[in-house]
Amino acid sequence: MGLTITASWWLKELPGSGGGDACVEVTLPGAQAITVPAPPVYAPPGPILFLPEVANPQQAVPVATGQAHDLGCAAVVVNVEPGDTDLPPTLANAGFRRHCDYYEGAIRSA
């Protein structure tokens, strides 16, 4: 019973970027990505480059950061599934921080 983490989003903000378009599919080595509308705190500087799945963190993460800047993105967000032990250290070393967790389940009184 209770809540369990279903995903964690790791964030890297990109100062000086902006002006890109949302809803652009991006192919990266080791991952697929898409630009998504940014929350108002980032708008109007630009969209977010979102990586829902990363097959090869060592390839995808550095390229994603560089390509996000070229796409006018204000930040990069990477989805990390529970139990993934390879991706978090790569993200931390690349300057990402664990930004938020998503939970599912039910909270009930005992």
PDB file of N, CA and C in Angstrom:
ATOM      1  N   MET A   1       0.833  -1.191   0.000  1.00  0.00           N
ATOM      2  CA  MET A   1       0.000   0.000   0.000  1.00  0.00           C
ATOM      3  C   MET A   1       0.872   1.247   0.000  1.00  0.00           C
ATOM      4  N   GLY A   2       0.272   2.317  -0.335  1.00  0.00           N
ATOM      5  CA  GLY A   2       0.980   3.585  -0.341  1.00  0.00           C
ATOM      6  C   GLY A   2       1.389   3.983  -1.734  1.00  0.00           C
ATOM      7  N   LEU A   3       2.295   4.907  -1.787  1.00  0.00           N
ATOM      8  CA  LEU A   3       2.740   5.454  -3.064  1.00  0.00           C
ATOM      9  C   LEU A   3       4.074   4.843  -3.466  1.00  0.00           C
ATOM     10  N   THR A   4       4.245   4.655  -4.771  1.00  0.00           N
ATOM     11  CA  THR A   4       5.527   4.203  -5.302  1.00  0.00           C
ATOM     12  C   THR A   4       5.928   5.149  -6.432  1.00  0.00           C
ATOM     13  N   ILE A   5       7.224   5.361  -6.549  1.00  0.00           N
ATOM     14  CA  ILE A   5       7.730   6.216  -7.619  1.00  0.00           C
ATOM     15  C   ILE A   5       7.608   5.469  -8.942  1.00  0.00           C
ATOM     16  N   THR A   6       7.008   6.136  -9.934  1.00  0.00           N
ATOM     17  CA  THR A   6       6.894   5.552 -11.267  1.00  0.00           C
ATOM     18  C   THR A   6       7.885   6.164 -12.249  1.00  0.00           C
ATOM     19  N   ALA A   7       8.381   7.352 -11.949  1.00  0.00           N
ATOM     20  CA  ALA A   7       9.362   8.016 -12.799  1.00  0.00           C
ATOM     21  C   ALA A   7       9.962   9.197 -12.063  1.00  0.00           C
ATOM     22  N   SER A   8      11.186   9.514 -12.432  1.00  0.00           N
ATOM     23  CA  SER A   8      11.849  10.729 -11.933  1.00  0.00           C
ATOM     24  C   SER A   8      12.281  11.530 -13.149  1.00  0.00           C
ATOM     25  N   TRP A   9      12.120  12.838 -13.065  1.00  0.00           N
ATOM     26  CA  TRP A   9      12.575  13.715 -14.146  1.00  0.00           C
ATOM     27  C   TRP A   9      13.800  14.471 -13.672  1.00  0.00           C
ATOM     28  N   TRP A  10      14.849  14.403 -14.477  1.00  0.00           N
ATOM     29  CA  TRP A  10      16.093  15.107 -14.213  1.00  0.00           C
ATOM     30  C   TRP A  10      16.179  16.297 -15.159  1.00  0.00           C
ATOM     31  N   LEU A  11      16.613  17.430 -14.651  1.00  0.00           N
ATOM     32  CA  LEU A  11      16.568  18.708 -15.368  1.00  0.00           C
ATOM     33  C   LEU A  11      17.941  19.333 -15.472  1.00  0.00           C
ATOM     34  N   LYS A  12      18.206  19.905 -16.642  1.00  0.00           N
ATOM     35  CA  LYS A  12      19.367  20.784 -16.817  1.00  0.00           C
ATOM     36  C   LYS A  12      18.880  22.018 -17.551  1.00  0.00           C
ATOM     37  N   GLU A  13      18.991  23.158 -16.883  1.00  0.00           N
ATOM     38  CA  GLU A  13      18.605  24.428 -17.507  1.00  0.00           C
ATOM     39  C   GLU A  13      19.752  24.913 -18.389  1.00  0.00           C
ATOM     40  N   LEU A  14      19.386  25.571 -19.485  1.00  0.00           N
ATOM     41  CA  LEU A  14      20.369  26.032 -20.456  1.00  0.00           C
ATOM     42  C   LEU A  14      20.320  27.553 -20.570  1.00  0.00           C
ATOM     43  N   PRO A  15      21.100  28.261 -19.780  1.00  0.00           N
ATOM     44  CA  PRO A  15      21.102  29.715 -19.854  1.00  0.00           C
ATOM     45  C   PRO A  15      21.499  30.190 -21.249  1.00  0.00           C
ATOM     46  N   GLY A  16      20.857  31.241 -21.683  1.00  0.00           N
ATOM     47  CA  GLY A  16      21.191  31.826 -22.969  1.00  0.00           C
ATOM     48  C   GLY A  16      20.490  31.197 -24.154  1.00  0.00           C
ATOM     49  N   SER A  17      19.752  30.109 -23.930  1.00  0.00           N
ATOM     50  CA  SER A  17      19.020  29.490 -25.027  1.00  0.00           C
ATOM     51  C   SER A  17      17.640  30.105 -25.112  1.00  0.00           C
ATOM     52  N   GLY A  18      16.982  29.851 -26.202  1.00  0.00           N
ATOM     53  CA  GLY A  18      15.608  30.296 -26.331  1.00  0.00           C
ATOM     54  C   GLY A  18      15.202  30.520 -27.765  1.00  0.00           C
ATOM     55  N   GLY A  19      13.879  30.644 -27.926  1.00  0.00           N
ATOM     56  CA  GLY A  19      13.330  30.960 -29.229  1.00  0.00           C
ATOM     57  C   GLY A  19      12.989  29.772 -30.090  1.00  0.00           C
ATOM     58  N   GLY A  20      13.094  28.567 -29.562  1.00  0.00           N
ATOM     59  CA  GLY A  20      12.812  27.381 -30.357  1.00  0.00           C
ATOM     60  C   GLY A  20      11.332  27.067 -30.456  1.00  0.00           C
ATOM     61  N   ASP A  21      11.019  26.020 -31.205  1.00  0.00           N
ATOM     62  CA  ASP A  21       9.648  25.579 -31.421  1.00  0.00           C
ATOM     63  C   ASP A  21       9.352  24.300 -30.649  1.00  0.00           C
ATOM     64  N   ALA A  22       8.128  24.195 -30.142  1.00  0.00           N
ATOM     65  CA  ALA A  22       7.670  22.976 -29.483  1.00  0.00           C
ATOM     66  C   ALA A  22       7.172  21.984 -30.530  1.00  0.00           C
ATOM     67  N   CYS A  23       7.068  20.733 -30.123  1.00  0.00           N
ATOM     68  CA  CYS A  23       6.519  19.639 -30.942  1.00  0.00           C
ATOM     69  C   CYS A  23       7.435  19.247 -32.098  1.00  0.00           C
ATOM     70  N   VAL A  24       8.740  19.354 -31.905  1.00  0.00           N
ATOM     71  CA  VAL A  24       9.710  18.933 -32.910  1.00  0.00           C
ATOM     72  C   VAL A  24      10.305  17.602 -32.442  1.00  0.00           C
ATOM     73  N   GLU A  25      10.159  16.556 -33.265  1.00  0.00           N
ATOM     74  CA  GLU A  25      10.771  15.267 -32.931  1.00  0.00           C
ATOM     75  C   GLU A  25      12.258  15.338 -33.252  1.00  0.00           C
ATOM     76  N   VAL A  26      13.066  14.815 -32.322  1.00  0.00           N
ATOM     77  CA  VAL A  26      14.512  14.912 -32.437  1.00  0.00           C
ATOM     78  C   VAL A  26      15.102  13.512 -32.303  1.00  0.00           C
ATOM     79  N   THR A  27      15.939  13.133 -33.251  1.00  0.00           N
ATOM     80  CA  THR A  27      16.637  11.856 -33.173  1.00  0.00           C
ATOM     81  C   THR A  27      18.037  12.116 -32.649  1.00  0.00           C
ATOM     82  N   LEU A  28      18.385  11.405 -31.600  1.00  0.00           N
ATOM     83  CA  LEU A  28      19.708  11.518 -30.994  1.00  0.00           C
ATOM     84  C   LEU A  28      20.370  10.150 -31.032  1.00  0.00           C
ATOM     85  N   PRO A  29      21.686  10.068 -31.007  1.00  0.00           N
ATOM     86  CA  PRO A  29      22.305   8.756 -30.865  1.00  0.00           C
ATOM     87  C   PRO A  29      21.977   8.210 -29.474  1.00  0.00           C
ATOM     88  N   GLY A  30      21.347   7.078 -29.418  1.00  0.00           N
ATOM     89  CA  GLY A  30      21.034   6.461 -28.133  1.00  0.00           C
ATOM     90  C   GLY A  30      19.739   6.901 -27.494  1.00  0.00           C
ATOM     91  N   ALA A  31      18.924   7.712 -28.177  1.00  0.00           N
ATOM     92  CA  ALA A  31      17.653   8.164 -27.583  1.00  0.00           C
ATOM     93  C   ALA A  31      16.774   8.834 -28.631  1.00  0.00           C
ATOM     94  N   GLN A  32      15.508   8.883 -28.348  1.00  0.00           N
ATOM     95  CA  GLN A  32      14.557   9.703 -29.092  1.00  0.00           C
ATOM     96  C   GLN A  32      14.178  10.859 -28.175  1.00  0.00           C
ATOM     97  N   ALA A  33      13.794  11.971 -28.760  1.00  0.00           N
ATOM     98  CA  ALA A  33      13.430  13.132 -27.951  1.00  0.00           C
ATOM     99  C   ALA A  33      12.402  13.962 -28.705  1.00  0.00           C
ATOM    100  N   ILE A  34      11.785  14.861 -27.980  1.00  0.00           N
ATOM    101  CA  ILE A  34      10.823  15.786 -28.563  1.00  0.00           C
ATOM    102  C   ILE A  34      10.892  17.099 -27.794  1.00  0.00           C
ATOM    103  N   THR A  35      10.706  18.198 -28.523  1.00  0.00           N
ATOM    104  CA  THR A  35      10.607  19.478 -27.830  1.00  0.00           C
ATOM    105  C   THR A  35       9.158  19.660 -27.398  1.00  0.00           C
ATOM    106  N   VAL A  36       8.979  20.072 -26.169  1.00  0.00           N
ATOM    107  CA  VAL A  36       7.637  20.255 -25.618  1.00  0.00           C
ATOM    108  C   VAL A  36       7.503  21.681 -25.089  1.00  0.00           C
ATOM    109  N   PRO A  37       6.261  22.204 -25.066  1.00  0.00           N
ATOM    110  CA  PRO A  37       6.086  23.552 -24.534  1.00  0.00           C
ATOM    111  C   PRO A  37       6.626  23.650 -23.104  1.00  0.00           C
ATOM    112  N   ALA A  38       7.289  24.737 -22.832  1.00  0.00           N
ATOM    113  CA  ALA A  38       7.856  24.956 -21.504  1.00  0.00           C
ATOM    114  C   ALA A  38       6.795  25.486 -20.550  1.00  0.00           C
ATOM    115  N   PRO A  39       6.921  25.154 -19.263  1.00  0.00           N
ATOM    116  CA  PRO A  39       6.049  25.794 -18.284  1.00  0.00           C
ATOM    117  C   PRO A  39       6.298  27.304 -18.290  1.00  0.00           C
ATOM    118  N   PRO A  40       5.350  28.090 -17.825  1.00  0.00           N
ATOM    119  CA  PRO A  40       5.488  29.560 -17.876  1.00  0.00           C
ATOM    120  C   PRO A  40       6.770  30.110 -17.254  1.00  0.00           C
ATOM    121  N   VAL A  41       7.357  29.404 -16.307  1.00  0.00           N
ATOM    122  CA  VAL A  41       8.578  29.908 -15.688  1.00  0.00           C
ATOM    123  C   VAL A  41       9.709  30.010 -16.711  1.00  0.00           C
ATOM    124  N   TYR A  42       9.664  29.197 -17.782  1.00  0.00           N
ATOM    125  CA  TYR A  42      10.694  29.232 -18.825  1.00  0.00           C
ATOM    126  C   TYR A  42      10.262  30.021 -20.055  1.00  0.00           C
ATOM    127  N   ALA A  43       8.975  30.158 -20.249  1.00  0.00           N
ATOM    128  CA  ALA A  43       8.482  30.824 -21.462  1.00  0.00           C
ATOM    129  C   ALA A  43       8.589  32.331 -21.278  1.00  0.00           C
ATOM    130  N   PRO A  44       8.964  33.084 -22.267  1.00  0.00           N
ATOM    131  CA  PRO A  44       9.106  32.720 -23.667  1.00  0.00           C
ATOM    132  C   PRO A  44      10.488  32.260 -24.106  1.00  0.00           C
ATOM    133  N   PRO A  45      11.500  32.051 -23.227  1.00  0.00           N
ATOM    134  CA  PRO A  45      12.808  31.689 -23.778  1.00  0.00           C
ATOM    135  C   PRO A  45      12.807  30.476 -24.713  1.00  0.00           C
ATOM    136  N   GLY A  46      11.982  29.500 -24.496  1.00  0.00           N
ATOM    137  CA  GLY A  46      11.997  28.372 -25.414  1.00  0.00           C
ATOM    138  C   GLY A  46      11.380  27.133 -24.825  1.00  0.00           C
ATOM    139  N   PRO A  47      11.238  26.101 -25.649  1.00  0.00           N
ATOM    140  CA  PRO A  47      10.659  24.847 -25.198  1.00  0.00           C
ATOM    141  C   PRO A  47      11.657  24.035 -24.371  1.00  0.00           C
ATOM    142  N   ILE A  48      11.219  22.860 -23.971  1.00  0.00           N
ATOM    143  CA  ILE A  48      12.047  21.907 -23.236  1.00  0.00           C
ATOM    144  C   ILE A  48      12.344  20.738 -24.166  1.00  0.00           C
ATOM    145  N   LEU A  49      13.585  20.270 -24.202  1.00  0.00           N
ATOM    146  CA  LEU A  49      13.893  19.040 -24.922  1.00  0.00           C
ATOM    147  C   LEU A  49      13.670  17.899 -23.943  1.00  0.00           C
ATOM    148  N   PHE A  50      12.696  17.047 -24.239  1.00  0.00           N
ATOM    149  CA  PHE A  50      12.313  15.950 -23.348  1.00  0.00           C
ATOM    150  C   PHE A  50      12.760  14.623 -23.937  1.00  0.00           C
ATOM    151  N   LEU A  51      13.487  13.850 -23.132  1.00  0.00           N
ATOM    152  CA  LEU A  51      13.923  12.505 -23.512  1.00  0.00           C
ATOM    153  C   LEU A  51      13.134  11.495 -22.680  1.00  0.00           C
ATOM    154  N   PRO A  52      12.094  10.876 -23.251  1.00  0.00           N
ATOM    155  CA  PRO A  52      11.287   9.939 -22.478  1.00  0.00           C
ATOM    156  C   PRO A  52      11.997   8.622 -22.197  1.00  0.00           C
ATOM    157  N   GLU A  53      12.891   8.195 -23.090  1.00  0.00           N
ATOM    158  CA  GLU A  53      13.658   6.959 -22.904  1.00  0.00           C
ATOM    159  C   GLU A  53      15.063   7.164 -23.436  1.00  0.00           C
ATOM    160  N   VAL A  54      16.033   6.630 -22.708  1.00  0.00           N
ATOM    161  CA  VAL A  54      17.430   6.747 -23.131  1.00  0.00           C
ATOM    162  C   VAL A  54      18.031   5.347 -23.148  1.00  0.00           C
ATOM    163  N   ALA A  55      18.409   4.880 -24.328  1.00  0.00           N
ATOM    164  CA  ALA A  55      19.008   3.558 -24.467  1.00  0.00           C
ATOM    165  C   ALA A  55      20.502   3.582 -24.155  1.00  0.00           C
ATOM    166  N   ASN A  56      21.176   4.675 -24.529  1.00  0.00           N
ATOM    167  CA  ASN A  56      22.616   4.786 -24.317  1.00  0.00           C
ATOM    168  C   ASN A  56      22.930   6.154 -23.729  1.00  0.00           C
ATOM    169  N   PRO A  57      22.999   6.240 -22.391  1.00  0.00           N
ATOM    170  CA  PRO A  57      23.226   7.537 -21.741  1.00  0.00           C
ATOM    171  C   PRO A  57      24.526   8.223 -22.142  1.00  0.00           C
ATOM    172  N   GLN A  58      25.604   7.451 -22.308  1.00  0.00           N
ATOM    173  CA  GLN A  58      26.897   8.060 -22.626  1.00  0.00           C
ATOM    174  C   GLN A  58      26.869   8.734 -23.993  1.00  0.00           C
ATOM    175  N   GLN A  59      26.084   8.206 -24.929  1.00  0.00           N
ATOM    176  CA  GLN A  59      25.957   8.836 -26.241  1.00  0.00           C
ATOM    177  C   GLN A  59      24.939   9.964 -26.214  1.00  0.00           C
ATOM    178  N   ALA A  60      23.768   9.676 -25.667  1.00  0.00           N
ATOM    179  CA  ALA A  60      22.625  10.578 -25.802  1.00  0.00           C
ATOM    180  C   ALA A  60      22.733  11.862 -24.986  1.00  0.00           C
ATOM    181  N   VAL A  61      23.184  11.778 -23.756  1.00  0.00           N
ATOM    182  CA  VAL A  61      23.127  12.939 -22.859  1.00  0.00           C
ATOM    183  C   VAL A  61      23.986  14.110 -23.347  1.00  0.00           C
ATOM    184  N   PRO A  62      25.246  13.906 -23.712  1.00  0.00           N
ATOM    185  CA  PRO A  62      26.027  15.058 -24.182  1.00  0.00           C
ATOM    186  C   PRO A  62      25.470  15.653 -25.479  1.00  0.00           C
ATOM    187  N   VAL A  63      25.026  14.807 -26.384  1.00  0.00           N
ATOM    188  CA  VAL A  63      24.482  15.300 -27.652  1.00  0.00           C
ATOM    189  C   VAL A  63      23.173  16.051 -27.405  1.00  0.00           C
ATOM    190  N   ALA A  64      22.345  15.526 -26.504  1.00  0.00           N
ATOM    191  CA  ALA A  64      21.063  16.175 -26.195  1.00  0.00           C
ATOM    192  C   ALA A  64      21.279  17.589 -25.691  1.00  0.00           C
ATOM    193  N   THR A  65      22.242  17.780 -24.817  1.00  0.00           N
ATOM    194  CA  THR A  65      22.496  19.108 -24.268  1.00  0.00           C
ATOM    195  C   THR A  65      22.926  20.084 -25.358  1.00  0.00           C
ATOM    196  N   GLY A  66      23.829  19.659 -26.219  1.00  0.00           N
ATOM    197  CA  GLY A  66      24.279  20.531 -27.305  1.00  0.00           C
ATOM    198  C   GLY A  66      23.179  20.798 -28.316  1.00  0.00           C
ATOM    199  N   GLN A  67      22.443  19.769 -28.672  1.00  0.00           N
ATOM    200  CA  GLN A  67      21.381  19.933 -29.664  1.00  0.00           C
ATOM    201  C   GLN A  67      20.233  20.763 -29.102  1.00  0.00           C
ATOM    202  N   ALA A  68      19.955  20.617 -27.806  1.00  0.00           N
ATOM    203  CA  ALA A  68      18.880  21.410 -27.184  1.00  0.00           C
ATOM    204  C   ALA A  68      19.174  22.898 -27.310  1.00  0.00           C
ATOM    205  N   HIS A  69      20.397  23.266 -27.084  1.00  0.00           N
ATOM    206  CA  HIS A  69      20.774  24.677 -27.214  1.00  0.00           C
ATOM    207  C   HIS A  69      20.566  25.140 -28.649  1.00  0.00           C
ATOM    208  N   ASP A  70      20.987  24.322 -29.608  1.00  0.00           N
ATOM    209  CA  ASP A  70      20.818  24.677 -31.024  1.00  0.00           C
ATOM    210  C   ASP A  70      19.343  24.757 -31.422  1.00  0.00           C
ATOM    211  N   LEU A  71      18.474  23.978 -30.736  1.00  0.00           N
ATOM    212  CA  LEU A  71      17.035  23.982 -31.015  1.00  0.00           C
ATOM    213  C   LEU A  71      16.311  25.128 -30.306  1.00  0.00           C
ATOM    214  N   GLY A  72      17.035  25.909 -29.527  1.00  0.00           N
ATOM    215  CA  GLY A  72      16.426  27.026 -28.805  1.00  0.00           C
ATOM    216  C   GLY A  72      15.681  26.605 -27.563  1.00  0.00           C
ATOM    217  N   CYS A  73      16.064  25.471 -26.992  1.00  0.00           N
ATOM    218  CA  CYS A  73      15.391  24.974 -25.785  1.00  0.00           C
ATOM    219  C   CYS A  73      15.951  25.649 -24.538  1.00  0.00           C
ATOM    220  N   ALA A  74      15.084  25.890 -23.582  1.00  0.00           N
ATOM    221  CA  ALA A  74      15.479  26.506 -22.317  1.00  0.00           C
ATOM    222  C   ALA A  74      16.046  25.493 -21.337  1.00  0.00           C
ATOM    223  N   ALA A  75      15.764  24.201 -21.582  1.00  0.00           N
ATOM    224  CA  ALA A  75      16.213  23.159 -20.667  1.00  0.00           C
ATOM    225  C   ALA A  75      16.102  21.793 -21.342  1.00  0.00           C
ATOM    226  N   VAL A  76      16.729  20.806 -20.709  1.00  0.00           N
ATOM    227  CA  VAL A  76      16.600  19.411 -21.108  1.00  0.00           C
ATOM    228  C   VAL A  76      16.037  18.666 -19.910  1.00  0.00           C
ATOM    229  N   VAL A  77      15.048  17.805 -20.152  1.00  0.00           N
ATOM    230  CA  VAL A  77      14.478  16.955 -19.103  1.00  0.00           C
ATOM    231  C   VAL A  77      14.591  15.511 -19.564  1.00  0.00           C
ATOM    232  N   VAL A  78      15.112  14.660 -18.684  1.00  0.00           N
ATOM    233  CA  VAL A  78      15.280  13.244 -18.983  1.00  0.00           C
ATOM    234  C   VAL A  78      14.435  12.434 -18.005  1.00  0.00           C
ATOM    235  N   ASN A  79      13.621  11.539 -18.551  1.00  0.00           N
ATOM    236  CA  ASN A  79      12.803  10.635 -17.753  1.00  0.00           C
ATOM    237  C   ASN A  79      13.670   9.463 -17.293  1.00  0.00           C
ATOM    238  N   VAL A  80      13.650   9.154 -16.007  1.00  0.00           N
ATOM    239  CA  VAL A  80      14.396   8.031 -15.455  1.00  0.00           C
ATOM    240  C   VAL A  80      13.406   7.089 -14.782  1.00  0.00           C
ATOM    241  N   GLU A  81      13.417   5.840 -15.221  1.00  0.00           N
ATOM    242  CA  GLU A  81      12.528   4.822 -14.654  1.00  0.00           C
ATOM    243  C   GLU A  81      13.102   4.299 -13.333  1.00  0.00           C
ATOM    244  N   PRO A  82      12.223   3.882 -12.411  1.00  0.00           N
ATOM    245  CA  PRO A  82      12.707   3.305 -11.152  1.00  0.00           C
ATOM    246  C   PRO A  82      13.610   2.096 -11.434  1.00  0.00           C
ATOM    247  N   GLY A  83      14.659   1.985 -10.680  1.00  0.00           N
ATOM    248  CA  GLY A  83      15.580   0.861 -10.829  1.00  0.00           C
ATOM    249  C   GLY A  83      16.681   1.083 -11.851  1.00  0.00           C
ATOM    250  N   ASP A  84      16.631   2.160 -12.606  1.00  0.00           N
ATOM    251  CA  ASP A  84      17.684   2.462 -13.576  1.00  0.00           C
ATOM    252  C   ASP A  84      18.894   2.978 -12.807  1.00  0.00           C
ATOM    253  N   THR A  85      19.965   2.209 -12.807  1.00  0.00           N
ATOM    254  CA  THR A  85      21.167   2.597 -12.062  1.00  0.00           C
ATOM    255  C   THR A  85      22.247   3.216 -12.949  1.00  0.00           C
ATOM    256  N   ASP A  86      22.077   3.120 -14.276  1.00  0.00           N
ATOM    257  CA  ASP A  86      23.086   3.655 -15.185  1.00  0.00           C
ATOM    258  C   ASP A  86      22.881   5.135 -15.497  1.00  0.00           C
ATOM    259  N   LEU A  87      21.638   5.531 -15.660  1.00  0.00           N
ATOM    260  CA  LEU A  87      21.349   6.886 -16.122  1.00  0.00           C
ATOM    261  C   LEU A  87      21.605   7.980 -15.078  1.00  0.00           C
ATOM    262  N   PRO A  88      21.185   7.832 -13.813  1.00  0.00           N
ATOM    263  CA  PRO A  88      21.395   8.925 -12.843  1.00  0.00           C
ATOM    264  C   PRO A  88      22.839   9.401 -12.691  1.00  0.00           C
ATOM    265  N   PRO A  89      23.839   8.510 -12.593  1.00  0.00           N
ATOM    266  CA  PRO A  89      25.208   9.028 -12.472  1.00  0.00           C
ATOM    267  C   PRO A  89      25.661   9.811 -13.710  1.00  0.00           C
ATOM    268  N   THR A  90      25.253   9.345 -14.889  1.00  0.00           N
ATOM    269  CA  THR A  90      25.602  10.057 -16.119  1.00  0.00           C
ATOM    270  C   THR A  90      24.971  11.436 -16.126  1.00  0.00           C
ATOM    271  N   LEU A  91      23.716  11.518 -15.713  1.00  0.00           N
ATOM    272  CA  LEU A  91      23.026  12.810 -15.669  1.00  0.00           C
ATOM    273  C   LEU A  91      23.669  13.741 -14.645  1.00  0.00           C
ATOM    274  N   ALA A  92      23.955  13.227 -13.472  1.00  0.00           N
ATOM    275  CA  ALA A  92      24.581  14.053 -12.427  1.00  0.00           C
ATOM    276  C   ALA A  92      25.931  14.593 -12.902  1.00  0.00           C
ATOM    277  N   ASN A  93      26.721  13.756 -13.553  1.00  0.00           N
ATOM    278  CA  ASN A  93      28.034  14.186 -14.058  1.00  0.00           C
ATOM    279  C   ASN A  93      27.908  15.225 -15.162  1.00  0.00           C
ATOM    280  N   ALA A  94      26.759  15.241 -15.854  1.00  0.00           N
ATOM    281  CA  ALA A  94      26.536  16.204 -16.937  1.00  0.00           C
ATOM    282  C   ALA A  94      25.845  17.482 -16.449  1.00  0.00           C
ATOM    283  N   GLY A  95      25.667  17.612 -15.120  1.00  0.00           N
ATOM    284  CA  GLY A  95      25.090  18.839 -14.567  1.00  0.00           C
ATOM    285  C   GLY A  95      23.574  18.829 -14.421  1.00  0.00           C
ATOM    286  N   PHE A  96      22.945  17.662 -14.571  1.00  0.00           N
ATOM    287  CA  PHE A  96      21.503  17.555 -14.348  1.00  0.00           C
ATOM    288  C   PHE A  96      21.234  17.387 -12.858  1.00  0.00           C
ATOM    289  N   ARG A  97      20.021  17.738 -12.449  1.00  0.00           N
ATOM    290  CA  ARG A  97      19.597  17.489 -11.068  1.00  0.00           C
ATOM    291  C   ARG A  97      18.239  16.806 -11.087  1.00  0.00           C
ATOM    292  N   ARG A  98      18.021  15.973 -10.097  1.00  0.00           N
ATOM    293  CA  ARG A  98      16.725  15.297  -9.971  1.00  0.00           C
ATOM    294  C   ARG A  98      15.701  16.352  -9.590  1.00  0.00           C
ATOM    295  N   HIS A  99      14.817  16.654 -10.515  1.00  0.00           N
ATOM    296  CA  HIS A  99      13.905  17.774 -10.374  1.00  0.00           C
ATOM    297  C   HIS A  99      12.592  17.385  -9.725  1.00  0.00           C
ATOM    298  N   CYS A 100      11.980  16.269 -10.152  1.00  0.00           N
ATOM    299  CA  CYS A 100      10.708  15.869  -9.572  1.00  0.00           C
ATOM    300  C   CYS A 100      10.489  14.373  -9.750  1.00  0.00           C
ATOM    301  N   ASP A 101       9.676  13.825  -8.874  1.00  0.00           N
ATOM    302  CA  ASP A 101       9.303  12.414  -8.916  1.00  0.00           C
ATOM    303  C   ASP A 101       7.809  12.309  -9.142  1.00  0.00           C
ATOM    304  N   TYR A 102       7.408  11.257  -9.849  1.00  0.00           N
ATOM    305  CA  TYR A 102       5.993  10.982 -10.081  1.00  0.00           C
ATOM    306  C   TYR A 102       5.625   9.676  -9.392  1.00  0.00           C
ATOM    307  N   TYR A 103       4.510   9.717  -8.684  1.00  0.00           N
ATOM    308  CA  TYR A 103       4.081   8.592  -7.866  1.00  0.00           C
ATOM    309  C   TYR A 103       2.732   8.062  -8.351  1.00  0.00           C
ATOM    310  N   GLU A 104       2.481   6.798  -8.031  1.00  0.00           N
ATOM    311  CA  GLU A 104       1.136   6.259  -8.187  1.00  0.00           C
ATOM    312  C   GLU A 104       0.838   5.385  -6.986  1.00  0.00           C
ATOM    313  N   GLY A 105      -0.434   5.163  -6.759  1.00  0.00           N
ATOM    314  CA  GLY A 105      -0.859   4.380  -5.616  1.00  0.00           C
ATOM    315  C   GLY A 105      -1.966   5.086  -4.883  1.00  0.00           C
ATOM    316  N   ALA A 106      -2.271   4.565  -3.736  1.00  0.00           N
ATOM    317  CA  ALA A 106      -3.345   5.132  -2.932  1.00  0.00           C
ATOM    318  C   ALA A 106      -2.854   5.363  -1.518  1.00  0.00           C
ATOM    319  N   ILE A 107      -3.286   6.457  -0.952  1.00  0.00           N
ATOM    320  CA  ILE A 107      -2.983   6.743   0.447  1.00  0.00           C
ATOM    321  C   ILE A 107      -4.264   6.452   1.230  1.00  0.00           C
ATOM    322  N   ARG A 108      -4.149   5.537   2.150  1.00  0.00           N
ATOM    323  CA  ARG A 108      -5.316   5.167   2.954  1.00  0.00           C
ATOM    324  C   ARG A 108      -4.948   5.219   4.428  1.00  0.00           C
ATOM    325  N   SER A 109      -5.932   5.522   5.220  1.00  0.00           N
ATOM    326  CA  SER A 109      -5.674   5.522   6.671  1.00  0.00           C
ATOM    327  C   SER A 109      -5.576   4.077   7.136  1.00  0.00           C
ATOM    328  N   ALA A 110      -4.801   3.877   8.178  1.00  0.00           N
ATOM    329  CA  ALA A 110      -4.553   2.513   8.674  1.00  0.00           C
ATOM    330  C   ALA A 110      -5.746   1.903   9.355  1.00  0.00           C
TER     331      ALA A 110
END
